[in-house]
Amino acid sequence: MASLKDQVDDLQSTVGEARQILEDAYTPEATRADLVTAVSEAIAALSDEDEGDEDDDQDDDTD
């Protein structure tokens, strides 16, 4: 099992990735489609991490 520090580091990395995706897209020349794509990618980055946590919780319940 990962330590609390490792978990916090992973979460910070995931949030940082989502933030970078959104910051890169947030430009005056960005189209609506560009922004929708960026939001979708940011959600996916955050969801991938959340799904892993849910799987871990389910595994803990079966032990």
PDB file of N, CA and C in Angstrom:
ATOM      1  N   MET A   1       0.841  -1.173   0.000  1.00  0.00           N
ATOM      2  CA  MET A   1       0.000   0.000   0.000  1.00  0.00           C
ATOM      3  C   MET A   1       0.889   1.239   0.000  1.00  0.00           C
ATOM      4  N   ALA A   2       0.531   2.229  -0.793  1.00  0.00           N
ATOM      5  CA  ALA A   2       1.315   3.450  -0.900  1.00  0.00           C
ATOM      6  C   ALA A   2       1.170   4.283   0.368  1.00  0.00           C
ATOM      7  N   SER A   3       2.252   4.976   0.689  1.00  0.00           N
ATOM      8  CA  SER A   3       2.210   5.835   1.870  1.00  0.00           C
ATOM      9  C   SER A   3       1.329   7.051   1.587  1.00  0.00           C
ATOM     10  N   LEU A   4       0.948   7.720   2.653  1.00  0.00           N
ATOM     11  CA  LEU A   4       0.115   8.919   2.516  1.00  0.00           C
ATOM     12  C   LEU A   4       0.824   9.962   1.673  1.00  0.00           C
ATOM     13  N   LYS A   5       2.119  10.120   1.862  1.00  0.00           N
ATOM     14  CA  LYS A   5       2.884  11.089   1.073  1.00  0.00           C
ATOM     15  C   LYS A   5       2.846  10.730  -0.404  1.00  0.00           C
ATOM     16  N   ASP A   6       2.994   9.456  -0.716  1.00  0.00           N
ATOM     17  CA  ASP A   6       2.933   9.018  -2.110  1.00  0.00           C
ATOM     18  C   ASP A   6       1.555   9.299  -2.708  1.00  0.00           C
ATOM     19  N   GLN A   7       0.508   9.049  -1.936  1.00  0.00           N
ATOM     20  CA  GLN A   7      -0.853   9.307  -2.411  1.00  0.00           C
ATOM     21  C   GLN A   7      -1.064  10.795  -2.663  1.00  0.00           C
ATOM     22  N   VAL A   8      -0.582  11.633  -1.740  1.00  0.00           N
ATOM     23  CA  VAL A   8      -0.713  13.082  -1.905  1.00  0.00           C
ATOM     24  C   VAL A   8       0.080  13.535  -3.133  1.00  0.00           C
ATOM     25  N   ASP A   9       1.278  13.018  -3.304  1.00  0.00           N
ATOM     26  CA  ASP A   9       2.091  13.369  -4.467  1.00  0.00           C
ATOM     27  C   ASP A   9       1.389  12.981  -5.766  1.00  0.00           C
ATOM     28  N   ASP A  10       0.778  11.794  -5.792  1.00  0.00           N
ATOM     29  CA  ASP A  10       0.053  11.342  -6.979  1.00  0.00           C
ATOM     30  C   ASP A  10      -1.123  12.255  -7.281  1.00  0.00           C
ATOM     31  N   LEU A  11      -1.875  12.615  -6.243  1.00  0.00           N
ATOM     32  CA  LEU A  11      -3.027  13.497  -6.435  1.00  0.00           C
ATOM     33  C   LEU A  11      -2.593  14.880  -6.904  1.00  0.00           C
ATOM     34  N   GLN A  12      -1.526  15.406  -6.331  1.00  0.00           N
ATOM     35  CA  GLN A  12      -1.021  16.710  -6.756  1.00  0.00           C
ATOM     36  C   GLN A  12      -0.569  16.670  -8.206  1.00  0.00           C
ATOM     37  N   SER A  13       0.038  15.587  -8.598  1.00  0.00           N
ATOM     38  CA  SER A  13       0.474  15.428  -9.981  1.00  0.00           C
ATOM     39  C   SER A  13      -0.716  15.396 -10.928  1.00  0.00           C
ATOM     40  N   THR A  14      -1.755  14.669 -10.539  1.00  0.00           N
ATOM     41  CA  THR A  14      -2.955  14.566 -11.371  1.00  0.00           C
ATOM     42  C   THR A  14      -3.646  15.912 -11.501  1.00  0.00           C
ATOM     43  N   VAL A  15      -3.791  16.617 -10.396  1.00  0.00           N
ATOM     44  CA  VAL A  15      -4.419  17.943 -10.425  1.00  0.00           C
ATOM     45  C   VAL A  15      -3.563  18.900 -11.258  1.00  0.00           C
ATOM     46  N   GLY A  16      -2.251  18.815 -11.107  1.00  0.00           N
ATOM     47  CA  GLY A  16      -1.357  19.647 -11.894  1.00  0.00           C
ATOM     48  C   GLY A  16      -1.482  19.383 -13.386  1.00  0.00           C
ATOM     49  N   GLU A  17      -1.644  18.121 -13.739  1.00  0.00           N
ATOM     50  CA  GLU A  17      -1.824  17.758 -15.150  1.00  0.00           C
ATOM     51  C   GLU A  17      -3.112  18.358 -15.698  1.00  0.00           C
ATOM     52  N   ALA A  18      -4.197  18.228 -14.946  1.00  0.00           N
ATOM     53  CA  ALA A  18      -5.492  18.779 -15.379  1.00  0.00           C
ATOM     54  C   ALA A  18      -5.401  20.303 -15.496  1.00  0.00           C
ATOM     55  N   ARG A  19      -4.755  20.934 -14.533  1.00  0.00           N
ATOM     56  CA  ARG A  19      -4.609  22.392 -14.558  1.00  0.00           C
ATOM     57  C   ARG A  19      -3.805  22.831 -15.778  1.00  0.00           C
ATOM     58  N   GLN A  20      -2.731  22.106 -16.088  1.00  0.00           N
ATOM     59  CA  GLN A  20      -1.896  22.457 -17.240  1.00  0.00           C
ATOM     60  C   GLN A  20      -2.692  22.341 -18.547  1.00  0.00           C
ATOM     61  N   ILE A  21      -3.494  21.312 -18.663  1.00  0.00           N
ATOM     62  CA  ILE A  21      -4.335  21.137 -19.850  1.00  0.00           C
ATOM     63  C   ILE A  21      -5.241  22.343 -20.022  1.00  0.00           C
ATOM     64  N   LEU A  22      -5.880  22.771 -18.936  1.00  0.00           N
ATOM     65  CA  LEU A  22      -6.804  23.901 -18.994  1.00  0.00           C
ATOM     66  C   LEU A  22      -6.075  25.215 -19.252  1.00  0.00           C
ATOM     67  N   GLU A  23      -4.937  25.425 -18.614  1.00  0.00           N
ATOM     68  CA  GLU A  23      -4.174  26.652 -18.834  1.00  0.00           C
ATOM     69  C   GLU A  23      -3.686  26.759 -20.274  1.00  0.00           C
ATOM     70  N   ASP A  24      -3.257  25.648 -20.851  1.00  0.00           N
ATOM     71  CA  ASP A  24      -2.789  25.654 -22.241  1.00  0.00           C
ATOM     72  C   ASP A  24      -3.907  26.035 -23.208  1.00  0.00           C
ATOM     73  N   ALA A  25      -5.116  25.638 -22.885  1.00  0.00           N
ATOM     74  CA  ALA A  25      -6.250  25.914 -23.776  1.00  0.00           C
ATOM     75  C   ALA A  25      -6.819  27.312 -23.580  1.00  0.00           C
ATOM     76  N   TYR A  26      -6.564  27.925 -22.441  1.00  0.00           N
ATOM     77  CA  TYR A  26      -7.155  29.214 -22.096  1.00  0.00           C
ATOM     78  C   TYR A  26      -6.377  30.345 -22.759  1.00  0.00           C
ATOM     79  N   THR A  27      -6.664  30.546 -24.042  1.00  0.00           N
ATOM     80  CA  THR A  27      -6.023  31.594 -24.823  1.00  0.00           C
ATOM     81  C   THR A  27      -7.095  32.373 -25.562  1.00  0.00           C
ATOM     82  N   PRO A  28      -6.797  33.627 -25.914  1.00  0.00           N
ATOM     83  CA  PRO A  28      -7.795  34.438 -26.620  1.00  0.00           C
ATOM     84  C   PRO A  28      -8.254  33.827 -27.949  1.00  0.00           C
ATOM     85  N   GLU A  29      -7.361  33.107 -28.609  1.00  0.00           N
ATOM     86  CA  GLU A  29      -7.720  32.542 -29.921  1.00  0.00           C
ATOM     87  C   GLU A  29      -8.393  31.170 -29.825  1.00  0.00           C
ATOM     88  N   ALA A  30      -8.571  30.670 -28.631  1.00  0.00           N
ATOM     89  CA  ALA A  30      -9.191  29.347 -28.452  1.00  0.00           C
ATOM     90  C   ALA A  30     -10.639  29.368 -28.923  1.00  0.00           C
ATOM     91  N   THR A  31     -11.001  28.334 -29.651  1.00  0.00           N
ATOM     92  CA  THR A  31     -12.390  28.201 -30.096  1.00  0.00           C
ATOM     93  C   THR A  31     -13.186  27.450 -29.031  1.00  0.00           C
ATOM     94  N   ARG A  32     -14.470  27.471 -29.191  1.00  0.00           N
ATOM     95  CA  ARG A  32     -15.333  26.726 -28.271  1.00  0.00           C
ATOM     96  C   ARG A  32     -14.962  25.240 -28.303  1.00  0.00           C
ATOM     97  N   ALA A  33     -14.704  24.719 -29.490  1.00  0.00           N
ATOM     98  CA  ALA A  33     -14.328  23.306 -29.630  1.00  0.00           C
ATOM     99  C   ALA A  33     -13.012  23.019 -28.909  1.00  0.00           C
ATOM    100  N   ASP A  34     -12.049  23.945 -29.000  1.00  0.00           N
ATOM    101  CA  ASP A  34     -10.777  23.779 -28.292  1.00  0.00           C
ATOM    102  C   ASP A  34     -11.003  23.693 -26.784  1.00  0.00           C
ATOM    103  N   LEU A  35     -11.862  24.571 -26.273  1.00  0.00           N
ATOM    104  CA  LEU A  35     -12.128  24.599 -24.836  1.00  0.00           C
ATOM    105  C   LEU A  35     -12.871  23.352 -24.378  1.00  0.00           C
ATOM    106  N   VAL A  36     -13.818  22.894 -25.192  1.00  0.00           N
ATOM    107  CA  VAL A  36     -14.548  21.669 -24.843  1.00  0.00           C
ATOM    108  C   VAL A  36     -13.586  20.488 -24.805  1.00  0.00           C
ATOM    109  N   THR A  37     -12.693  20.418 -25.766  1.00  0.00           N
ATOM    110  CA  THR A  37     -11.707  19.347 -25.794  1.00  0.00           C
ATOM    111  C   THR A  37     -10.816  19.398 -24.557  1.00  0.00           C
ATOM    112  N   ALA A  38     -10.367  20.587 -24.191  1.00  0.00           N
ATOM    113  CA  ALA A  38      -9.501  20.734 -23.027  1.00  0.00           C
ATOM    114  C   ALA A  38     -10.228  20.329 -21.744  1.00  0.00           C
ATOM    115  N   VAL A  39     -11.470  20.747 -21.600  1.00  0.00           N
ATOM    116  CA  VAL A  39     -12.235  20.378 -20.411  1.00  0.00           C
ATOM    117  C   VAL A  39     -12.427  18.858 -20.370  1.00  0.00           C
ATOM    118  N   SER A  40     -12.720  18.261 -21.507  1.00  0.00           N
ATOM    119  CA  SER A  40     -12.884  16.806 -21.566  1.00  0.00           C
ATOM    120  C   SER A  40     -11.593  16.090 -21.175  1.00  0.00           C
ATOM    121  N   GLU A  41     -10.455  16.578 -21.658  1.00  0.00           N
ATOM    122  CA  GLU A  41      -9.171  15.973 -21.321  1.00  0.00           C
ATOM    123  C   GLU A  41      -8.850  16.138 -19.837  1.00  0.00           C
ATOM    124  N   ALA A  42      -9.166  17.303 -19.284  1.00  0.00           N
ATOM    125  CA  ALA A  42      -8.916  17.536 -17.856  1.00  0.00           C
ATOM    126  C   ALA A  42      -9.781  16.618 -17.003  1.00  0.00           C
ATOM    127  N   ILE A  43     -11.044  16.475 -17.391  1.00  0.00           N
ATOM    128  CA  ILE A  43     -11.947  15.573 -16.665  1.00  0.00           C
ATOM    129  C   ILE A  43     -11.421  14.139 -16.750  1.00  0.00           C
ATOM    130  N   ALA A  44     -10.968  13.745 -17.914  1.00  0.00           N
ATOM    131  CA  ALA A  44     -10.435  12.388 -18.083  1.00  0.00           C
ATOM    132  C   ALA A  44      -9.206  12.176 -17.201  1.00  0.00           C
ATOM    133  N   ALA A  45      -8.339  13.167 -17.134  1.00  0.00           N
ATOM    134  CA  ALA A  45      -7.143  13.050 -16.291  1.00  0.00           C
ATOM    135  C   ALA A  45      -7.537  12.885 -14.830  1.00  0.00           C
ATOM    136  N   LEU A  46      -8.527  13.634 -14.398  1.00  0.00           N
ATOM    137  CA  LEU A  46      -8.983  13.538 -13.014  1.00  0.00           C
ATOM    138  C   LEU A  46      -9.756  12.253 -12.774  1.00  0.00           C
ATOM    139  N   SER A  47     -10.530  11.821 -13.735  1.00  0.00           N
ATOM    140  CA  SER A  47     -11.344  10.615 -13.585  1.00  0.00           C
ATOM    141  C   SER A  47     -10.498   9.364 -13.513  1.00  0.00           C
ATOM    142  N   ASP A  48      -9.427   9.311 -14.289  1.00  0.00           N
ATOM    143  CA  ASP A  48      -8.539   8.154 -14.254  1.00  0.00           C
ATOM    144  C   ASP A  48      -8.011   7.947 -12.842  1.00  0.00           C
ATOM    145  N   GLU A  49      -7.626   9.015 -12.170  1.00  0.00           N
ATOM    146  CA  GLU A  49      -7.120   8.914 -10.808  1.00  0.00           C
ATOM    147  C   GLU A  49      -8.232   8.498  -9.856  1.00  0.00           C
ATOM    148  N   ASP A  50      -9.408   9.064 -10.020  1.00  0.00           N
ATOM    149  CA  ASP A  50     -10.531   8.740  -9.139  1.00  0.00           C
ATOM    150  C   ASP A  50     -10.928   7.280  -9.282  1.00  0.00           C
ATOM    151  N   GLU A  51     -10.947   6.766 -10.506  1.00  0.00           N
ATOM    152  CA  GLU A  51     -11.334   5.374 -10.719  1.00  0.00           C
ATOM    153  C   GLU A  51     -10.360   4.434 -10.028  1.00  0.00           C
ATOM    154  N   GLY A  52      -9.082   4.758 -10.045  1.00  0.00           N
ATOM    155  CA  GLY A  52      -8.098   3.934  -9.361  1.00  0.00           C
ATOM    156  C   GLY A  52      -8.338   3.916  -7.868  1.00  0.00           C
ATOM    157  N   ASP A  53      -8.722   5.059  -7.297  1.00  0.00           N
ATOM    158  CA  ASP A  53      -9.010   5.125  -5.865  1.00  0.00           C
ATOM    159  C   ASP A  53     -10.237   4.308  -5.521  1.00  0.00           C
ATOM    160  N   GLU A  54     -11.263   4.356  -6.363  1.00  0.00           N
ATOM    161  CA  GLU A  54     -12.476   3.585  -6.113  1.00  0.00           C
ATOM    162  C   GLU A  54     -12.169   2.096  -6.149  1.00  0.00           C
ATOM    163  N   ASP A  55     -11.328   1.677  -7.088  1.00  0.00           N
ATOM    164  CA  ASP A  55     -10.958   0.270  -7.175  1.00  0.00           C
ATOM    165  C   ASP A  55     -10.218  -0.151  -5.909  1.00  0.00           C
ATOM    166  N   ASP A  56      -9.341   0.723  -5.401  1.00  0.00           N
ATOM    167  CA  ASP A  56      -8.610   0.419  -4.173  1.00  0.00           C
ATOM    168  C   ASP A  56      -9.568   0.257  -3.008  1.00  0.00           C
ATOM    169  N   ASP A  57     -10.587   1.123  -2.931  1.00  0.00           N
ATOM    170  CA  ASP A  57     -11.556   1.032  -1.854  1.00  0.00           C
ATOM    171  C   ASP A  57     -12.332  -0.280  -1.928  1.00  0.00           C
ATOM    172  N   GLN A  58     -12.682  -0.686  -3.151  1.00  0.00           N
ATOM    173  CA  GLN A  58     -13.412  -1.927  -3.312  1.00  0.00           C
ATOM    174  C   GLN A  58     -12.557  -3.108  -2.905  1.00  0.00           C
ATOM    175  N   ASP A  59     -11.272  -3.072  -3.224  1.00  0.00           N
ATOM    176  CA  ASP A  59     -10.370  -4.149  -2.846  1.00  0.00           C
ATOM    177  C   ASP A  59     -10.243  -4.230  -1.333  1.00  0.00           C
ATOM    178  N   ASP A  60     -10.219  -3.064  -0.659  1.00  0.00           N
ATOM    179  CA  ASP A  60     -10.088  -3.049   0.790  1.00  0.00           C
ATOM    180  C   ASP A  60     -11.302  -3.664   1.463  1.00  0.00           C
ATOM    181  N   ASP A  61     -12.484  -3.498   0.881  1.00  0.00           N
ATOM    182  CA  ASP A  61     -13.712  -4.023   1.481  1.00  0.00           C
ATOM    183  C   ASP A  61     -13.765  -5.553   1.425  1.00  0.00           C
ATOM    184  N   THR A  62     -13.088  -6.138   0.446  1.00  0.00           N
ATOM    185  CA  THR A  62     -13.164  -7.595   0.287  1.00  0.00           C
ATOM    186  C   THR A  62     -12.158  -8.336   1.139  1.00  0.00           C
ATOM    187  N   ASP A  63     -11.204  -7.610   1.726  1.00  0.00           N
ATOM    188  CA  ASP A  63     -10.174  -8.269   2.547  1.00  0.00           C
ATOM    189  C   ASP A  63     -10.699  -8.690   3.890  1.00  0.00           C
TER     190      ASP A  63
END
